[in-house]
Amino acid sequence: MSPSRTTAFRDRISYQALLLGGFSFIATALLVIGNIATHDAIQERRMENLRASLSQVIPDSLHDNDLLDSPLQYHDATGRPMTIYRAVQELQIRALAWETIGKGYAGDIRILIGLAADGSVLGVRVLNHTETPGLGDKIEATRSDWILGFTGRSLRDPPLNKWGVRKDGGDFDGFSGATITARAVVESVRDGLVFFRENCTALLEVPVIHTPVME
């Protein structure tokens, strides 16, 4: 092909589209390869982070099983799927943990709540949020000890009508300039306690443990 015809061919829209398509294909292929190569490492890191968070709301002394092993798949009152991690010791459910979501000032606040079998709070930790730095981020255990104030509480302490921030007539302190954030966390923990009370029979049912048959 002569130089002039080559230049004319390259100027055609079909050639340019083909060239663009080729680059797009290569870029997509590289992204897919990268995702495949890092998928296992990312999943392993997520499991490590989850296990570390669970250890903060369920003491190791309350279970002899792996909390990530065979979690219970459940649904809340709105139909939202839930993953409930059960602490088993001597074939009895000693504690439970699951994620709740509160509506904060700047978006969703993902919260991990751990409860003992009697319905009392073992621990609460914030997994993720987008609240205002210096104000709303006080819900993080690394920023203040406010979140530790839920430990030992239940629907008996305080009663249900007192599960709110003091500004709303409740028993829990809020933050100056971040009442919405504190309110979201308190209400989320309260809703978790109510959920447990309404579903405790099913949640505390001992999981079936399959043991290998010896031949």
C-alpha atoms as a PDB file:
ATOM      1  CA  MET A   1       0.000   0.000   0.000  1.00  0.00           C
ATOM      2  CA  SER A   2       1.390   3.400  -1.017  1.00  0.00           C
ATOM      3  CA  PRO A   3       2.106   6.075   1.607  1.00  0.00           C
ATOM      4  CA  SER A   4      -0.788   8.202   0.389  1.00  0.00           C
ATOM      5  CA  ARG A   5      -3.230   5.297   0.631  1.00  0.00           C
ATOM      6  CA  THR A   6      -1.882   4.409   4.072  1.00  0.00           C
ATOM      7  CA  THR A   7      -2.445   7.988   5.234  1.00  0.00           C
ATOM      8  CA  ALA A   8      -5.926   8.008   3.757  1.00  0.00           C
ATOM      9  CA  PHE A   9      -6.757   4.701   5.471  1.00  0.00           C
ATOM     10  CA  ARG A  10      -5.584   6.008   8.828  1.00  0.00           C
ATOM     11  CA  ASP A  11      -7.740   9.114   8.382  1.00  0.00           C
ATOM     12  CA  ARG A  12     -10.854   7.006   7.971  1.00  0.00           C
ATOM     13  CA  ILE A  13     -13.242   6.892  10.949  1.00  0.00           C
ATOM     14  CA  SER A  14     -13.361   3.105  10.862  1.00  0.00           C
ATOM     15  CA  TYR A  15      -9.606   2.901  11.436  1.00  0.00           C
ATOM     16  CA  GLN A  16      -9.731   5.357  14.321  1.00  0.00           C
ATOM     17  CA  ALA A  17     -12.616   3.453  15.899  1.00  0.00           C
ATOM     18  CA  LEU A  18     -10.711   0.190  15.490  1.00  0.00           C
ATOM     19  CA  LEU A  19      -7.609   1.702  17.076  1.00  0.00           C
ATOM     20  CA  LEU A  20      -9.614   3.097  20.008  1.00  0.00           C
ATOM     21  CA  GLY A  21     -11.354  -0.232  20.448  1.00  0.00           C
ATOM     22  CA  GLY A  22      -8.019  -2.008  20.529  1.00  0.00           C
ATOM     23  CA  PHE A  23      -6.651   0.255  23.257  1.00  0.00           C
ATOM     24  CA  SER A  24      -9.882  -0.119  25.244  1.00  0.00           C
ATOM     25  CA  PHE A  25      -9.672  -3.906  24.982  1.00  0.00           C
ATOM     26  CA  ILE A  26      -6.080  -3.931  26.199  1.00  0.00           C
ATOM     27  CA  ALA A  27      -6.902  -1.599  29.107  1.00  0.00           C
ATOM     28  CA  THR A  28      -9.897  -3.727  30.117  1.00  0.00           C
ATOM     29  CA  ALA A  29      -7.841  -6.907  29.922  1.00  0.00           C
ATOM     30  CA  LEU A  30      -5.150  -5.390  32.161  1.00  0.00           C
ATOM     31  CA  LEU A  31      -7.787  -4.339  34.717  1.00  0.00           C
ATOM     32  CA  VAL A  32      -9.312  -7.815  34.748  1.00  0.00           C
ATOM     33  CA  ILE A  33      -5.915  -9.429  35.191  1.00  0.00           C
ATOM     34  CA  GLY A  34      -5.095  -7.003  38.003  1.00  0.00           C
ATOM     35  CA  ASN A  35      -8.377  -7.716  39.790  1.00  0.00           C
ATOM     36  CA  ILE A  36      -7.871 -11.459  39.533  1.00  0.00           C
ATOM     37  CA  ALA A  37      -4.311 -11.191  40.819  1.00  0.00           C
ATOM     38  CA  THR A  38      -5.286  -9.100  43.867  1.00  0.00           C
ATOM     39  CA  HIS A  39      -8.724 -10.567  44.659  1.00  0.00           C
ATOM     40  CA  ASP A  40      -7.533 -13.195  47.134  1.00  0.00           C
ATOM     41  CA  ALA A  41      -5.236 -10.753  48.954  1.00  0.00           C
ATOM     42  CA  ILE A  42      -8.033  -8.173  49.255  1.00  0.00           C
ATOM     43  CA  GLN A  43     -10.495 -10.766  50.557  1.00  0.00           C
ATOM     44  CA  GLU A  44      -7.957 -12.017  53.080  1.00  0.00           C
ATOM     45  CA  ARG A  45      -7.354  -8.477  54.340  1.00  0.00           C
ATOM     46  CA  ARG A  46     -11.093  -7.868  54.672  1.00  0.00           C
ATOM     47  CA  MET A  47     -11.469 -11.039  56.722  1.00  0.00           C
ATOM     48  CA  GLU A  48      -8.565 -10.010  58.943  1.00  0.00           C
ATOM     49  CA  ASN A  49     -10.135  -6.572  59.539  1.00  0.00           C
ATOM     50  CA  LEU A  50     -13.524  -8.120  60.279  1.00  0.00           C
ATOM     51  CA  ARG A  51     -12.018 -10.632  62.696  1.00  0.00           C
ATOM     52  CA  ALA A  52     -10.180  -7.811  64.491  1.00  0.00           C
ATOM     53  CA  SER A  53     -13.405  -5.777  64.773  1.00  0.00           C
ATOM     54  CA  LEU A  54     -15.344  -8.767  66.073  1.00  0.00           C
ATOM     55  CA  SER A  55     -12.730  -9.343  68.763  1.00  0.00           C
ATOM     56  CA  GLN A  56     -13.484  -5.831  70.065  1.00  0.00           C
ATOM     57  CA  VAL A  57     -17.194  -6.536  70.585  1.00  0.00           C
ATOM     58  CA  ILE A  58     -17.023 -10.219  71.588  1.00  0.00           C
ATOM     59  CA  PRO A  59     -14.321 -11.246  74.081  1.00  0.00           C
ATOM     60  CA  ASP A  60     -12.286 -14.326  73.175  1.00  0.00           C
ATOM     61  CA  SER A  61     -13.249 -15.828  76.533  1.00  0.00           C
ATOM     62  CA  LEU A  62     -16.839 -16.264  75.326  1.00  0.00           C
ATOM     63  CA  HIS A  63     -16.212 -18.591  72.426  1.00  0.00           C
ATOM     64  CA  ASP A  64     -14.174 -21.556  71.296  1.00  0.00           C
ATOM     65  CA  ASN A  65     -15.241 -21.370  67.655  1.00  0.00           C
ATOM     66  CA  ASP A  66     -14.100 -19.229  64.733  1.00  0.00           C
ATOM     67  CA  LEU A  67     -16.594 -16.362  64.614  1.00  0.00           C
ATOM     68  CA  LEU A  68     -16.343 -16.230  60.835  1.00  0.00           C
ATOM     69  CA  ASP A  69     -17.214 -19.902  60.496  1.00  0.00           C
ATOM     70  CA  SER A  70     -20.816 -20.562  59.390  1.00  0.00           C
ATOM     71  CA  PRO A  71     -22.451 -17.216  60.281  1.00  0.00           C
ATOM     72  CA  LEU A  72     -26.234 -17.035  60.399  1.00  0.00           C
ATOM     73  CA  GLN A  73     -27.930 -15.377  57.424  1.00  0.00           C
ATOM     74  CA  TYR A  74     -30.978 -13.426  58.565  1.00  0.00           C
ATOM     75  CA  HIS A  75     -33.250 -10.526  57.575  1.00  0.00           C
ATOM     76  CA  ASP A  76     -34.357  -7.535  59.597  1.00  0.00           C
ATOM     77  CA  ALA A  77     -37.904  -6.158  59.729  1.00  0.00           C
ATOM     78  CA  THR A  78     -37.392  -4.274  56.450  1.00  0.00           C
ATOM     79  CA  GLY A  79     -36.098  -7.355  54.642  1.00  0.00           C
ATOM     80  CA  ARG A  80     -32.488  -6.171  54.660  1.00  0.00           C
ATOM     81  CA  PRO A  81     -30.122  -9.180  54.663  1.00  0.00           C
ATOM     82  CA  MET A  82     -27.963  -9.539  57.758  1.00  0.00           C
ATOM     83  CA  THR A  83     -24.947 -11.642  58.601  1.00  0.00           C
ATOM     84  CA  ILE A  84     -24.924 -12.605  62.268  1.00  0.00           C
ATOM     85  CA  TYR A  85     -21.746 -13.957  63.835  1.00  0.00           C
ATOM     86  CA  ARG A  86     -22.302 -16.362  66.724  1.00  0.00           C
ATOM     87  CA  ALA A  87     -19.934 -17.020  69.600  1.00  0.00           C
ATOM     88  CA  VAL A  88     -20.283 -20.682  70.585  1.00  0.00           C
ATOM     89  CA  GLN A  89     -18.833 -22.211  73.727  1.00  0.00           C
ATOM     90  CA  GLU A  90     -19.574 -25.730  74.968  1.00  0.00           C
ATOM     91  CA  LEU A  91     -22.306 -26.004  72.320  1.00  0.00           C
ATOM     92  CA  GLN A  92     -24.133 -22.916  73.612  1.00  0.00           C
ATOM     93  CA  ILE A  93     -24.543 -19.483  72.022  1.00  0.00           C
ATOM     94  CA  ARG A  94     -22.741 -17.096  74.367  1.00  0.00           C
ATOM     95  CA  ALA A  95     -22.815 -13.954  72.234  1.00  0.00           C
ATOM     96  CA  LEU A  96     -23.813 -12.525  68.868  1.00  0.00           C
ATOM     97  CA  ALA A  97     -22.528  -9.736  66.666  1.00  0.00           C
ATOM     98  CA  TRP A  98     -23.838  -8.073  63.545  1.00  0.00           C
ATOM     99  CA  GLU A  99     -23.714  -4.843  61.609  1.00  0.00           C
ATOM    100  CA  THR A 100     -26.301  -2.097  61.934  1.00  0.00           C
ATOM    101  CA  ILE A 101     -26.556   1.133  59.940  1.00  0.00           C
ATOM    102  CA  GLY A 102     -27.403   4.546  61.336  1.00  0.00           C
ATOM    103  CA  LYS A 103     -28.232   7.673  59.322  1.00  0.00           C
ATOM    104  CA  GLY A 104     -25.660  10.266  60.298  1.00  0.00           C
ATOM    105  CA  TYR A 105     -25.235  13.907  59.318  1.00  0.00           C
ATOM    106  CA  ALA A 106     -23.061  13.120  56.291  1.00  0.00           C
ATOM    107  CA  GLY A 107     -24.288   9.644  55.373  1.00  0.00           C
ATOM    108  CA  ASP A 108     -24.539   6.087  56.626  1.00  0.00           C
ATOM    109  CA  ILE A 109     -22.698   5.066  59.785  1.00  0.00           C
ATOM    110  CA  ARG A 110     -21.828   1.365  59.759  1.00  0.00           C
ATOM    111  CA  ILE A 111     -21.797  -0.012  63.287  1.00  0.00           C
ATOM    112  CA  LEU A 112     -20.816  -3.407  64.685  1.00  0.00           C
ATOM    113  CA  ILE A 113     -22.719  -4.400  67.803  1.00  0.00           C
ATOM    114  CA  GLY A 114     -21.922  -7.345  70.073  1.00  0.00           C
ATOM    115  CA  LEU A 115     -24.516  -8.712  72.507  1.00  0.00           C
ATOM    116  CA  ALA A 116     -24.348 -11.323  75.233  1.00  0.00           C
ATOM    117  CA  ALA A 117     -26.982 -14.056  75.284  1.00  0.00           C
ATOM    118  CA  ASP A 118     -28.884 -12.140  77.991  1.00  0.00           C
ATOM    119  CA  GLY A 119     -29.318  -9.142  75.682  1.00  0.00           C
ATOM    120  CA  SER A 120     -26.705  -6.885  77.250  1.00  0.00           C
ATOM    121  CA  VAL A 121     -24.200  -4.979  75.139  1.00  0.00           C
ATOM    122  CA  LEU A 122     -20.694  -6.425  75.052  1.00  0.00           C
ATOM    123  CA  GLY A 123     -19.302  -3.765  72.780  1.00  0.00           C
ATOM    124  CA  VAL A 124     -20.027  -1.346  69.959  1.00  0.00           C
ATOM    125  CA  ARG A 125     -17.605  -0.156  67.291  1.00  0.00           C
ATOM    126  CA  VAL A 126     -17.989   2.111  64.274  1.00  0.00           C
ATOM    127  CA  LEU A 127     -16.779   0.370  61.127  1.00  0.00           C
ATOM    128  CA  ASN A 128     -17.169   3.216  58.658  1.00  0.00           C
ATOM    129  CA  HIS A 129     -18.572   6.745  58.496  1.00  0.00           C
ATOM    130  CA  THR A 130     -18.231  10.082  56.684  1.00  0.00           C
ATOM    131  CA  GLU A 131     -19.035  12.402  59.583  1.00  0.00           C
ATOM    132  CA  THR A 132     -17.299  15.742  60.104  1.00  0.00           C
ATOM    133  CA  PRO A 133     -13.666  15.417  61.270  1.00  0.00           C
ATOM    134  CA  GLY A 134     -13.142  16.907  64.715  1.00  0.00           C
ATOM    135  CA  LEU A 135     -16.847  16.639  65.568  1.00  0.00           C
ATOM    136  CA  GLY A 136     -18.632  13.527  64.363  1.00  0.00           C
ATOM    137  CA  ASP A 137     -15.511  11.381  64.344  1.00  0.00           C
ATOM    138  CA  LYS A 138     -15.675  11.224  68.155  1.00  0.00           C
ATOM    139  CA  ILE A 139     -17.800   8.119  67.650  1.00  0.00           C
ATOM    140  CA  GLU A 140     -14.555   6.289  66.800  1.00  0.00           C
ATOM    141  CA  ALA A 141     -12.954   4.424  69.701  1.00  0.00           C
ATOM    142  CA  THR A 142      -9.583   5.850  68.684  1.00  0.00           C
ATOM    143  CA  ARG A 143     -10.908   9.429  68.986  1.00  0.00           C
ATOM    144  CA  SER A 144     -12.769   9.254  72.287  1.00  0.00           C
ATOM    145  CA  ASP A 145     -14.166   6.762  74.784  1.00  0.00           C
ATOM    146  CA  TRP A 146     -17.791   7.782  74.062  1.00  0.00           C
ATOM    147  CA  ILE A 147     -18.566   4.572  72.163  1.00  0.00           C
ATOM    148  CA  LEU A 148     -17.450   2.523  75.190  1.00  0.00           C
ATOM    149  CA  GLY A 149     -20.393   3.897  77.154  1.00  0.00           C
ATOM    150  CA  PHE A 150     -22.724   1.341  75.575  1.00  0.00           C
ATOM    151  CA  THR A 151     -20.933  -1.613  77.158  1.00  0.00           C
ATOM    152  CA  GLY A 152     -23.098  -3.324  79.768  1.00  0.00           C
ATOM    153  CA  ARG A 153     -26.268  -1.495  78.707  1.00  0.00           C
ATOM    154  CA  SER A 154     -29.496  -3.230  77.682  1.00  0.00           C
ATOM    155  CA  LEU A 155     -33.188  -2.465  77.168  1.00  0.00           C
ATOM    156  CA  ARG A 156     -33.467  -2.607  80.971  1.00  0.00           C
ATOM    157  CA  ASP A 157     -30.636  -0.109  81.487  1.00  0.00           C
ATOM    158  CA  PRO A 158     -31.884   2.317  80.433  1.00  0.00           C
ATOM    159  CA  PRO A 159     -35.513   1.470  79.568  1.00  0.00           C
ATOM    160  CA  LEU A 160     -36.474   1.716  75.919  1.00  0.00           C
ATOM    161  CA  ASN A 161     -37.934   5.225  76.169  1.00  0.00           C
ATOM    162  CA  LYS A 162     -34.591   6.502  77.478  1.00  0.00           C
ATOM    163  CA  TRP A 163     -32.526   5.158  74.578  1.00  0.00           C
ATOM    164  CA  GLY A 164     -31.732   8.560  73.120  1.00  0.00           C
ATOM    165  CA  VAL A 165     -29.354  11.483  73.520  1.00  0.00           C
ATOM    166  CA  ARG A 166     -29.941  13.862  76.429  1.00  0.00           C
ATOM    167  CA  LYS A 167     -31.073  16.580  74.032  1.00  0.00           C
ATOM    168  CA  ASP A 168     -34.025  14.316  73.162  1.00  0.00           C
ATOM    169  CA  GLY A 169     -34.713  13.387  76.783  1.00  0.00           C
ATOM    170  CA  GLY A 170     -32.569  10.238  76.713  1.00  0.00           C
ATOM    171  CA  ASP A 171     -29.768   8.957  78.930  1.00  0.00           C
ATOM    172  CA  PHE A 172     -26.835   9.270  76.529  1.00  0.00           C
ATOM    173  CA  ASP A 173     -24.485  12.206  76.106  1.00  0.00           C
ATOM    174  CA  GLY A 174     -24.149  13.744  72.676  1.00  0.00           C
ATOM    175  CA  PHE A 175     -21.464  15.896  71.092  1.00  0.00           C
ATOM    176  CA  SER A 176     -21.539  19.647  70.815  1.00  0.00           C
ATOM    177  CA  GLY A 177     -22.127  20.406  67.153  1.00  0.00           C
ATOM    178  CA  ALA A 178     -22.682  16.751  66.237  1.00  0.00           C
ATOM    179  CA  THR A 179     -25.967  15.774  67.862  1.00  0.00           C
ATOM    180  CA  ILE A 180     -27.223  14.090  64.693  1.00  0.00           C
ATOM    181  CA  THR A 181     -24.180  11.820  64.647  1.00  0.00           C
ATOM    182  CA  ALA A 182     -24.542  10.741  68.277  1.00  0.00           C
ATOM    183  CA  ARG A 183     -28.299  10.311  67.855  1.00  0.00           C
ATOM    184  CA  ALA A 184     -27.757   8.022  64.855  1.00  0.00           C
ATOM    185  CA  VAL A 185     -25.432   5.736  66.799  1.00  0.00           C
ATOM    186  CA  VAL A 186     -27.641   5.566  69.909  1.00  0.00           C
ATOM    187  CA  GLU A 187     -30.742   4.815  67.865  1.00  0.00           C
ATOM    188  CA  SER A 188     -28.895   2.214  65.818  1.00  0.00           C
ATOM    189  CA  VAL A 189     -27.741   0.367  68.950  1.00  0.00           C
ATOM    190  CA  ARG A 190     -31.260   0.636  70.395  1.00  0.00           C
ATOM    191  CA  ASP A 191     -32.737  -0.847  67.222  1.00  0.00           C
ATOM    192  CA  GLY A 192     -30.203  -3.678  67.431  1.00  0.00           C
ATOM    193  CA  LEU A 193     -31.332  -4.457  70.977  1.00  0.00           C
ATOM    194  CA  VAL A 194     -34.976  -4.431  69.925  1.00  0.00           C
ATOM    195  CA  PHE A 195     -34.180  -6.733  67.023  1.00  0.00           C
ATOM    196  CA  PHE A 196     -32.495  -9.170  69.407  1.00  0.00           C
ATOM    197  CA  ARG A 197     -35.419  -9.101  71.838  1.00  0.00           C
ATOM    198  CA  GLU A 198     -37.890  -9.851  69.056  1.00  0.00           C
ATOM    199  CA  ASN A 199     -35.802 -12.638  67.499  1.00  0.00           C
ATOM    200  CA  CYS A 200     -33.788 -14.043  70.408  1.00  0.00           C
ATOM    201  CA  THR A 201     -35.285 -17.545  70.247  1.00  0.00           C
ATOM    202  CA  ALA A 202     -34.150 -18.079  66.667  1.00  0.00           C
ATOM    203  CA  LEU A 203     -30.866 -16.237  67.128  1.00  0.00           C
ATOM    204  CA  LEU A 204     -29.854 -18.311  70.145  1.00  0.00           C
ATOM    205  CA  GLU A 205     -30.693 -21.635  68.553  1.00  0.00           C
ATOM    206  CA  VAL A 206     -27.583 -23.776  68.734  1.00  0.00           C
ATOM    207  CA  PRO A 207     -26.082 -24.283  65.264  1.00  0.00           C
ATOM    208  CA  VAL A 208     -25.788 -27.797  63.926  1.00  0.00           C
ATOM    209  CA  ILE A 209     -22.185 -28.931  63.934  1.00  0.00           C
ATOM    210  CA  HIS A 210     -21.375 -31.633  61.413  1.00  0.00           C
ATOM    211  CA  THR A 211     -18.654 -34.039  62.451  1.00  0.00           C
ATOM    212  CA  PRO A 212     -16.976 -36.447  60.024  1.00  0.00           C
ATOM    213  CA  VAL A 213     -18.189 -40.047  60.142  1.00  0.00           C
ATOM    214  CA  MET A 214     -15.464 -42.482  61.096  1.00  0.00           C
ATOM    215  CA  GLU A 215     -15.398 -45.592  58.937  1.00  0.00           C
END
